[in-house]
Amino acid sequence: MKRIVIFASGSGSNAENIIKYFQNSNIATVTHVLSNNEHAKVFDRCERLNIDASLFDKENFVKEDTILNFLQVEADIIILAGFLWRIPAKIVTAFPNNIINIHPALLPKYGGKGMYGMNVHKAVKENNETETGITIHYVNENYDEGAIIYQTKTNVLSSDSADDIANKIHMLEQEHFPKIIENVILENV
């Protein structure tokens, strides 16, 4: 059974969806959630779902090997679910093609540093895009530049607000992210 560790920085809705998806799985289970935000709602979700969750800081993540050492013992695959920091090269090297991120746009559009959450949806609206979507991709040392695993689209209506776009993207994330993670795991068994 593959062990999944999730990194999350915010509300944790994608983390919760992934945890629930794999609760009764015989191929993978979420063993831990790590967050860099002490106020992240993901901690409440983990407590309710009886999943271990830990807070860490940039020192543990980038300069020291605390997080790397933890992952080498606890994780087979790492999932970024609304995690906003760039993954250090030492972790990417230790987990080649075993770190997966979801991005709320059709990369390469609207990717890179600072392009997350509502920043993306506002940019999509401001640029009068007629479609947007999600991209699930492997993580490398650069923001949103890893090999694409899966993309799916949704229409953007001229009447859609940035919040409407966010809701459409959230529905795509909830529907597709856990299934694509499962597919990647099954392909690599």
Protein backbone atom coordinates (compact mmCIF):
# COMPACT_ATOMS: atom_id res chain seq x y z
CA MET A 1 0.00 0.00 0.00
CA LYS A 2 1.36 3.39 -1.05
CA ARG A 3 1.63 6.07 1.62
CA ILE A 4 0.46 9.56 0.67
CA VAL A 5 1.60 12.70 2.46
CA ILE A 6 -0.31 15.86 1.57
CA PHE A 7 1.06 19.40 1.76
CA ALA A 8 -1.63 22.09 2.23
CA SER A 9 -1.58 25.79 3.10
CA GLY A 10 -5.25 26.72 3.29
CA SER A 11 -8.77 25.46 3.80
CA GLY A 12 -7.93 21.87 2.94
CA SER A 13 -10.98 21.00 0.82
CA ASN A 14 -8.83 19.15 -1.72
CA ALA A 15 -6.90 17.45 1.08
CA GLU A 16 -10.16 16.29 2.68
CA ASN A 17 -11.44 15.01 -0.65
CA ILE A 18 -8.25 13.00 -1.21
CA ILE A 19 -8.28 11.63 2.36
CA LYS A 20 -11.89 10.46 1.98
CA TYR A 21 -11.25 9.01 -1.48
CA PHE A 22 -8.45 6.77 -0.19
CA GLN A 23 -9.99 5.87 3.20
CA ASN A 24 -11.10 2.42 2.05
CA SER A 25 -8.58 1.95 -0.73
CA ASN A 26 -6.34 -1.09 -0.97
CA ILE A 27 -3.74 0.74 -3.06
CA ALA A 28 -3.02 3.92 -1.06
CA THR A 29 -3.77 5.77 2.14
CA VAL A 30 -3.13 9.30 3.37
CA THR A 31 -0.82 8.97 6.37
CA HIS A 32 -0.08 12.61 7.17
CA VAL A 33 -0.80 16.21 6.24
CA LEU A 34 1.89 18.87 6.50
CA SER A 35 1.17 22.60 6.54
CA ASN A 36 3.24 25.76 6.65
CA ASN A 37 0.28 27.84 7.92
CA GLU A 38 -0.65 27.59 11.58
CA HIS A 39 -4.09 29.08 10.80
CA ALA A 40 -4.88 26.68 7.96
CA LYS A 41 -8.35 25.15 8.18
CA VAL A 42 -6.83 21.88 6.98
CA PHE A 43 -5.86 21.18 10.62
CA ASP A 44 -9.55 21.17 11.64
CA ARG A 45 -10.38 18.83 8.78
CA CYS A 46 -7.56 16.45 9.73
CA GLU A 47 -8.66 16.37 13.35
CA ARG A 48 -12.22 15.53 12.29
CA LEU A 49 -10.95 12.83 9.89
CA ASN A 50 -8.46 11.41 12.40
CA ILE A 51 -5.44 12.10 10.17
CA ASP A 52 -2.11 13.19 11.66
CA ALA A 53 -1.19 16.75 10.72
CA SER A 54 1.91 18.80 11.49
CA LEU A 55 3.02 22.39 11.18
CA PHE A 56 6.47 23.22 9.84
CA ASP A 57 8.43 26.36 9.05
CA LYS A 58 10.69 27.45 6.22
CA GLU A 59 13.83 26.58 8.22
CA ASN A 60 12.71 22.92 8.54
CA PHE A 61 11.69 22.85 4.91
CA VAL A 62 14.50 24.60 3.07
CA LYS A 63 17.63 24.87 5.20
CA GLU A 64 17.42 21.80 7.42
CA ASP A 65 16.57 18.25 6.37
CA THR A 66 13.74 17.83 8.90
CA ILE A 67 10.95 17.59 6.32
CA LEU A 68 13.04 15.62 3.83
CA ASN A 69 13.94 13.07 6.51
CA PHE A 70 10.29 12.80 7.59
CA LEU A 71 9.15 12.24 4.00
CA GLN A 72 11.79 9.59 3.33
CA VAL A 73 10.35 7.56 6.21
CA GLU A 74 6.63 8.36 5.85
CA ALA A 75 5.85 8.93 2.15
CA ASP A 76 5.80 7.07 -1.13
CA ILE A 77 4.00 9.86 -2.94
CA ILE A 78 3.58 13.54 -2.08
CA ILE A 79 0.52 15.55 -3.05
CA LEU A 80 0.39 19.34 -3.09
CA ALA A 81 -3.19 20.43 -2.43
CA GLY A 82 -3.20 24.19 -2.24
CA PHE A 83 0.39 24.39 -1.03
CA LEU A 84 2.03 27.71 -1.88
CA TRP A 85 5.77 27.26 -1.34
CA ARG A 86 8.18 26.07 -4.00
CA ILE A 87 9.45 22.55 -3.26
CA PRO A 88 13.20 22.49 -2.53
CA ALA A 89 15.39 20.69 -5.08
CA LYS A 90 16.53 18.16 -2.46
CA ILE A 91 12.94 16.94 -1.99
CA VAL A 92 12.23 16.92 -5.74
CA THR A 93 15.42 14.86 -6.27
CA ALA A 94 14.49 12.41 -3.50
CA PHE A 95 10.97 11.86 -4.97
CA PRO A 96 11.32 11.90 -8.77
CA ASN A 97 7.88 11.77 -10.43
CA ASN A 98 6.34 11.18 -7.02
CA ILE A 99 5.29 14.75 -6.20
CA ILE A 100 2.01 15.84 -7.78
CA ASN A 101 0.43 19.29 -7.77
CA ILE A 102 -2.92 20.65 -8.94
CA HIS A 103 -3.09 24.08 -10.54
CA PRO A 104 -6.34 26.01 -11.07
CA ALA A 105 -5.68 26.90 -14.72
CA LEU A 106 -4.65 25.34 -17.99
CA LEU A 107 -0.88 25.52 -17.77
CA PRO A 108 1.26 27.01 -19.16
CA LYS A 109 -1.29 29.84 -18.93
CA TYR A 110 -1.58 31.56 -15.55
CA GLY A 111 1.25 29.65 -13.90
CA GLY A 112 4.29 30.70 -11.92
CA LYS A 113 5.02 32.54 -8.70
CA GLY A 114 2.02 34.37 -7.30
CA MET A 115 -0.45 32.61 -9.59
CA TYR A 116 -2.66 30.71 -7.17
CA GLY A 117 -6.28 30.75 -6.01
CA MET A 118 -8.24 33.91 -6.73
CA ASN A 119 -5.21 35.54 -8.40
CA VAL A 120 -5.62 33.00 -11.20
CA HIS A 121 -9.41 33.33 -11.47
CA LYS A 122 -9.23 37.15 -11.54
CA ALA A 123 -6.60 36.99 -14.31
CA VAL A 124 -8.75 34.58 -16.32
CA LYS A 125 -11.71 36.98 -15.98
CA GLU A 126 -9.66 40.12 -16.75
CA ASN A 127 -8.28 38.52 -19.91
CA ASN A 128 -11.76 37.55 -21.11
CA GLU A 129 -10.84 33.89 -21.45
CA THR A 130 -13.61 31.67 -22.82
CA GLU A 131 -12.28 28.57 -21.09
CA THR A 132 -10.16 27.61 -18.15
CA GLY A 133 -9.59 24.41 -16.22
CA ILE A 134 -7.25 22.46 -14.02
CA THR A 135 -3.81 21.03 -14.60
CA ILE A 136 -2.47 18.12 -12.58
CA HIS A 137 1.28 17.88 -13.01
CA TYR A 138 4.48 16.49 -11.60
CA VAL A 139 6.52 18.92 -9.53
CA ASN A 140 10.01 20.03 -10.42
CA GLU A 141 12.18 22.81 -8.98
CA ASN A 142 10.16 25.57 -10.69
CA TYR A 143 6.62 26.76 -10.06
CA ASP A 144 4.12 25.02 -12.36
CA GLU A 145 6.67 23.76 -14.89
CA GLY A 146 6.63 20.01 -14.23
CA ALA A 147 5.37 17.52 -16.79
CA ILE A 148 1.60 17.63 -17.24
CA ILE A 149 -0.28 14.50 -16.20
CA TYR A 150 -3.84 15.63 -16.88
CA GLN A 151 -5.86 18.67 -17.90
CA THR A 152 -9.60 19.25 -18.16
CA LYS A 153 -11.51 22.34 -19.20
CA THR A 154 -14.64 24.30 -18.36
CA ASN A 155 -16.27 27.15 -20.23
CA VAL A 156 -16.05 30.68 -18.92
CA LEU A 157 -19.11 32.79 -19.67
CA SER A 158 -18.82 36.55 -20.10
CA SER A 159 -21.25 36.84 -17.18
CA ASP A 160 -19.05 34.72 -14.86
CA SER A 161 -17.39 36.52 -11.96
CA ALA A 162 -14.02 35.45 -10.57
CA ASP A 163 -16.00 33.69 -7.81
CA ASP A 164 -18.08 31.83 -10.41
CA ILE A 165 -14.87 30.71 -12.11
CA ALA A 166 -13.45 29.60 -8.75
CA ASN A 167 -16.55 27.49 -8.12
CA LYS A 168 -16.26 25.80 -11.53
CA ILE A 169 -12.59 25.04 -10.89
CA HIS A 170 -13.34 23.69 -7.41
CA MET A 171 -15.85 21.26 -8.89
CA LEU A 172 -13.26 20.02 -11.41
CA GLU A 173 -10.66 19.62 -8.65
CA GLN A 174 -13.03 17.63 -6.46
CA GLU A 175 -14.07 15.36 -9.33
CA HIS A 176 -10.69 14.66 -10.91
CA PHE A 177 -7.77 15.09 -8.50
CA PRO A 178 -8.18 11.90 -6.39
CA LYS A 179 -8.87 9.76 -9.50
CA ILE A 180 -5.77 11.03 -11.29
CA ILE A 181 -3.63 10.40 -8.19
CA GLU A 182 -4.98 6.85 -8.09
CA ASN A 183 -4.23 6.38 -11.81
CA VAL A 184 -0.64 7.58 -11.34
CA ILE A 185 -0.15 5.18 -8.42
CA LEU A 186 -1.60 2.25 -10.38
CA GLU A 187 0.63 3.01 -13.37
CA ASN A 188 3.71 2.92 -11.16
CA VAL A 189 2.93 -0.22 -9.14
